[in-house]
């Protein structure tokens, strides 16, 4: 059984053409490149922010592991 997409089926060729036509009618052909550029920049900023948060989470998780390892070493030396 194939997994279902999160937001429903992905539009195919004809549906994409209709969506593009509606976009041209709404925004005009001159503004579409500007709209696409700003959307791309926003997606890039979102990706950078997500990667930064993921990096901080990994670093904090590694810090917790190091602290746990250090606690374990102190306990072992105290028993000797």
N, C-alpha and C. Protein backbone atom coordinates (compact mmCIF):
# COMPACT_ATOMS: atom_id res chain seq x y z
N UNK A 1 0.84 -1.17 0.00
CA UNK A 1 0.00 0.00 0.00
C UNK A 1 0.89 1.24 0.00
N UNK A 2 0.62 2.18 -0.89
CA UNK A 2 1.41 3.40 -1.00
C UNK A 2 1.01 4.38 0.10
N UNK A 3 1.99 5.11 0.64
CA UNK A 3 1.63 6.12 1.65
C UNK A 3 0.90 7.29 1.00
N UNK A 4 -0.06 7.85 1.71
CA UNK A 4 -0.81 8.98 1.17
C UNK A 4 -0.05 10.26 1.47
N UNK A 5 -0.05 11.19 0.52
CA UNK A 5 0.63 12.46 0.75
C UNK A 5 -0.01 13.22 1.91
N UNK A 6 0.78 14.07 2.55
CA UNK A 6 0.32 14.81 3.72
C UNK A 6 -0.81 15.78 3.36
N UNK A 7 -0.71 16.43 2.21
CA UNK A 7 -1.69 17.44 1.83
C UNK A 7 -2.58 17.00 0.68
N UNK A 8 -2.74 15.73 0.49
CA UNK A 8 -3.58 15.23 -0.59
C UNK A 8 -2.76 14.96 -1.83
N UNK A 9 -3.44 14.65 -2.91
CA UNK A 9 -2.71 14.31 -4.14
C UNK A 9 -1.99 15.53 -4.72
N UNK A 10 -0.85 15.27 -5.35
CA UNK A 10 -0.06 16.32 -5.97
C UNK A 10 -0.65 16.60 -7.35
N UNK A 11 -0.84 17.89 -7.69
CA UNK A 11 -1.42 18.21 -9.01
C UNK A 11 -0.54 17.75 -10.15
N UNK A 12 -1.18 17.26 -11.19
CA UNK A 12 -0.47 16.78 -12.37
C UNK A 12 -0.26 17.88 -13.39
N UNK A 13 -0.03 17.50 -14.64
CA UNK A 13 0.29 18.46 -15.71
C UNK A 13 -0.81 19.45 -16.00
N UNK A 14 -2.02 18.97 -16.23
CA UNK A 14 -3.12 19.87 -16.59
C UNK A 14 -3.49 20.76 -15.41
N UNK A 15 -3.49 20.21 -14.21
CA UNK A 15 -3.81 21.00 -13.03
C UNK A 15 -2.78 22.11 -12.83
N UNK A 16 -1.50 21.78 -13.06
CA UNK A 16 -0.44 22.78 -12.92
C UNK A 16 -0.60 23.90 -13.94
N UNK A 17 -1.03 23.57 -15.15
CA UNK A 17 -1.26 24.59 -16.17
C UNK A 17 -2.38 25.53 -15.75
N UNK A 18 -3.44 24.98 -15.18
CA UNK A 18 -4.56 25.81 -14.71
C UNK A 18 -4.10 26.71 -13.57
N UNK A 19 -3.33 26.17 -12.63
CA UNK A 19 -2.81 26.96 -11.52
C UNK A 19 -1.92 28.09 -12.05
N UNK A 20 -1.05 27.80 -13.02
CA UNK A 20 -0.19 28.82 -13.61
C UNK A 20 -1.01 29.90 -14.31
N UNK A 21 -2.05 29.50 -15.03
CA UNK A 21 -2.92 30.46 -15.71
C UNK A 21 -3.61 31.38 -14.70
N UNK A 22 -4.10 30.81 -13.62
CA UNK A 22 -4.75 31.63 -12.58
C UNK A 22 -3.74 32.58 -11.95
N UNK A 23 -2.52 32.11 -11.71
CA UNK A 23 -1.48 32.98 -11.14
C UNK A 23 -1.16 34.13 -12.07
N UNK A 24 -1.07 33.87 -13.37
CA UNK A 24 -0.80 34.94 -14.34
C UNK A 24 -1.95 35.94 -14.35
N UNK A 25 -3.17 35.44 -14.28
CA UNK A 25 -4.32 36.34 -14.27
C UNK A 25 -4.37 37.19 -13.00
N UNK A 26 -4.02 36.59 -11.87
CA UNK A 26 -4.08 37.31 -10.59
C UNK A 26 -2.95 38.33 -10.44
N UNK A 27 -1.73 37.93 -10.75
CA UNK A 27 -0.57 38.77 -10.47
C UNK A 27 -0.03 39.50 -11.69
N UNK A 28 -0.33 39.03 -12.87
CA UNK A 28 0.23 39.61 -14.08
C UNK A 28 1.57 38.97 -14.40
N UNK A 29 1.88 38.92 -15.68
CA UNK A 29 3.10 38.25 -16.13
C UNK A 29 4.35 38.97 -15.65
N UNK A 30 4.29 40.28 -15.45
CA UNK A 30 5.47 41.04 -15.04
C UNK A 30 5.86 40.77 -13.59
N UNK A 31 4.89 40.50 -12.73
CA UNK A 31 5.18 40.34 -11.31
C UNK A 31 5.51 38.89 -10.92
N UNK A 32 5.25 37.93 -11.78
CA UNK A 32 5.53 36.53 -11.44
C UNK A 32 7.00 36.26 -11.15
N UNK A 33 7.95 36.77 -11.95
CA UNK A 33 9.36 36.52 -11.61
C UNK A 33 9.75 37.11 -10.24
N UNK A 34 9.24 38.30 -9.93
CA UNK A 34 9.53 38.91 -8.63
C UNK A 34 8.92 38.08 -7.51
N UNK A 35 7.72 37.59 -7.73
CA UNK A 35 7.05 36.76 -6.74
C UNK A 35 7.82 35.46 -6.52
N UNK A 36 8.26 34.84 -7.61
CA UNK A 36 9.02 33.59 -7.51
C UNK A 36 10.36 33.83 -6.80
N UNK A 37 11.02 34.94 -7.11
CA UNK A 37 12.30 35.27 -6.48
C UNK A 37 12.12 35.47 -4.98
N UNK A 38 11.12 36.23 -4.59
CA UNK A 38 10.91 36.49 -3.16
C UNK A 38 10.50 35.21 -2.43
N UNK A 39 9.73 34.35 -3.09
CA UNK A 39 9.36 33.08 -2.48
C UNK A 39 10.60 32.20 -2.29
N UNK A 40 11.48 32.18 -3.27
CA UNK A 40 12.72 31.42 -3.16
C UNK A 40 13.60 31.93 -2.04
N UNK A 41 13.70 33.25 -1.91
CA UNK A 41 14.51 33.83 -0.84
C UNK A 41 13.92 33.48 0.52
N UNK A 42 12.59 33.55 0.64
CA UNK A 42 11.94 33.21 1.91
C UNK A 42 12.18 31.75 2.26
N UNK A 43 12.10 30.86 1.27
CA UNK A 43 12.35 29.45 1.51
C UNK A 43 13.80 29.22 1.93
N UNK A 44 14.74 29.95 1.33
CA UNK A 44 16.14 29.84 1.71
C UNK A 44 16.38 30.28 3.15
N UNK A 45 15.76 31.38 3.54
CA UNK A 45 15.90 31.85 4.92
C UNK A 45 15.29 30.86 5.90
N UNK A 46 14.15 30.30 5.53
CA UNK A 46 13.51 29.29 6.38
C UNK A 46 14.41 28.08 6.54
N UNK A 47 15.03 27.63 5.45
CA UNK A 47 15.92 26.47 5.49
C UNK A 47 17.14 26.76 6.37
N UNK A 48 17.71 27.97 6.24
CA UNK A 48 18.86 28.33 7.08
C UNK A 48 18.48 28.33 8.55
N UNK A 49 17.33 28.88 8.87
CA UNK A 49 16.87 28.90 10.26
C UNK A 49 16.65 27.50 10.80
N UNK A 50 16.03 26.64 9.98
CA UNK A 50 15.80 25.26 10.41
C UNK A 50 17.12 24.53 10.64
N UNK A 51 18.08 24.70 9.74
CA UNK A 51 19.38 24.04 9.89
C UNK A 51 20.11 24.55 11.14
N UNK A 52 19.99 25.85 11.42
CA UNK A 52 20.64 26.41 12.60
C UNK A 52 20.02 25.82 13.88
N UNK A 53 18.71 25.70 13.91
CA UNK A 53 18.05 25.13 15.08
C UNK A 53 18.43 23.66 15.24
N UNK A 54 18.47 22.91 14.14
CA UNK A 54 18.86 21.51 14.21
C UNK A 54 20.29 21.36 14.71
N UNK A 55 21.19 22.26 14.27
CA UNK A 55 22.58 22.23 14.71
C UNK A 55 22.66 22.50 16.22
N UNK A 56 21.91 23.50 16.68
CA UNK A 56 21.93 23.81 18.11
C UNK A 56 21.39 22.65 18.94
N UNK A 57 20.37 21.98 18.45
CA UNK A 57 19.81 20.82 19.17
C UNK A 57 20.84 19.70 19.23
N UNK A 58 21.53 19.44 18.09
CA UNK A 58 22.57 18.40 18.09
C UNK A 58 23.69 18.75 19.06
N UNK A 59 24.12 20.01 19.05
CA UNK A 59 25.21 20.42 19.94
C UNK A 59 24.80 20.30 21.40
N UNK A 60 23.57 20.67 21.72
CA UNK A 60 23.13 20.56 23.11
C UNK A 60 22.99 19.09 23.52
N UNK A 61 22.56 18.23 22.59
CA UNK A 61 22.45 16.81 22.90
C UNK A 61 23.85 16.22 23.12
N UNK A 62 24.82 16.64 22.31
CA UNK A 62 26.20 16.17 22.50
C UNK A 62 26.75 16.66 23.83
N UNK A 63 26.40 17.89 24.21
CA UNK A 63 26.85 18.43 25.49
C UNK A 63 26.29 17.64 26.65
N UNK A 64 25.04 17.21 26.55
CA UNK A 64 24.42 16.40 27.61
C UNK A 64 25.11 15.05 27.68
N UNK A 65 25.42 14.46 26.52
CA UNK A 65 26.11 13.17 26.51
C UNK A 65 27.50 13.29 27.14
N UNK A 66 28.20 14.38 26.84
CA UNK A 66 29.53 14.58 27.42
C UNK A 66 29.43 14.75 28.93
N UNK A 67 28.43 15.49 29.37
CA UNK A 67 28.25 15.69 30.81
C UNK A 67 27.93 14.36 31.49
N UNK A 68 27.10 13.54 30.85
CA UNK A 68 26.80 12.21 31.41
C UNK A 68 28.05 11.35 31.47
N UNK A 69 28.87 11.41 30.42
CA UNK A 69 30.11 10.64 30.41
C UNK A 69 31.06 11.12 31.51
N UNK A 70 31.15 12.42 31.69
CA UNK A 70 32.02 12.97 32.73
C UNK A 70 31.52 12.56 34.11
N UNK A 71 30.23 12.55 34.32
CA UNK A 71 29.67 12.11 35.60
C UNK A 71 30.00 10.64 35.84
N UNK A 72 29.93 9.85 34.82
CA UNK A 72 30.25 8.43 34.96
C UNK A 72 31.71 8.21 35.32
N UNK A 73 32.62 9.01 34.75
CA UNK A 73 34.04 8.88 35.07
C UNK A 73 34.31 9.29 36.51
N UNK A 74 33.66 10.33 36.98
CA UNK A 74 33.86 10.76 38.36
C UNK A 74 33.39 9.69 39.33
N UNK A 75 32.26 9.03 39.01
CA UNK A 75 31.74 7.98 39.88
C UNK A 75 32.68 6.80 39.94
N UNK A 76 33.29 6.46 38.80
CA UNK A 76 34.21 5.32 38.76
C UNK A 76 35.48 5.61 39.55
N UNK A 77 36.00 6.81 39.47
CA UNK A 77 37.24 7.15 40.20
C UNK A 77 36.96 7.27 41.69
N UNK A 78 35.77 7.64 42.09
CA UNK A 78 35.43 7.74 43.52
C UNK A 78 35.37 6.36 44.16
N UNK A 79 35.03 5.33 43.38
CA UNK A 79 34.91 3.98 43.92
C UNK A 79 36.26 3.30 44.07
N UNK A 80 37.31 3.83 43.43
CA UNK A 80 38.61 3.17 43.46
C UNK A 80 39.32 3.37 44.74
